[in-house]
Amino acid sequence: QLYLVESGGGFVQPGGSLRLSCVASGRHSDYYAIGWFRQAPGKEREGISCISGDGGSTTYADSVKGRFTMSRDNAEEVVQLLMNGLKPEDTAAYYCAARGFSDCPSTLRESYFGAWGQGTQVTVSS
């Protein structure tokens, strides 16, 4: 069983930065690819990034490419999402999720990820 807990959300002005953390604990937690998803009110959940189990490969949605960066420290069982250049449209609840494989899927679909955290809210507003 893999347990995921997100933290680091908050309120930030446009152009600001936040760093989200996802602590993944459980057996072989360093094996699984981890993804970040977000869901804004009234919208579907969107997959925005993924990092492979060994941290050697990352994938980003076009909406965040060049602004967001994923990293992981398997020794500490932590995956982070550094978000720069935040925009009001980035406002959403952010979730990390684990996939049952070490590689990231070519498409970040919810159904490809089996374990989810409870989410952390990010609000970007002036």
Foldseek 3Di string as FASTA:
>chain_A
DKAKAKDWADEAAAQAKTKMKIAIDDPPLLFWKKWKWWDDPPDDIATAKIAFSPRPDMDGDPVQPPFWDWGDDVVRRMIMIIGGRDDQVVWTWMKMFTAPGRDDDPGDDPVRTDYIYPTDTHGYHD
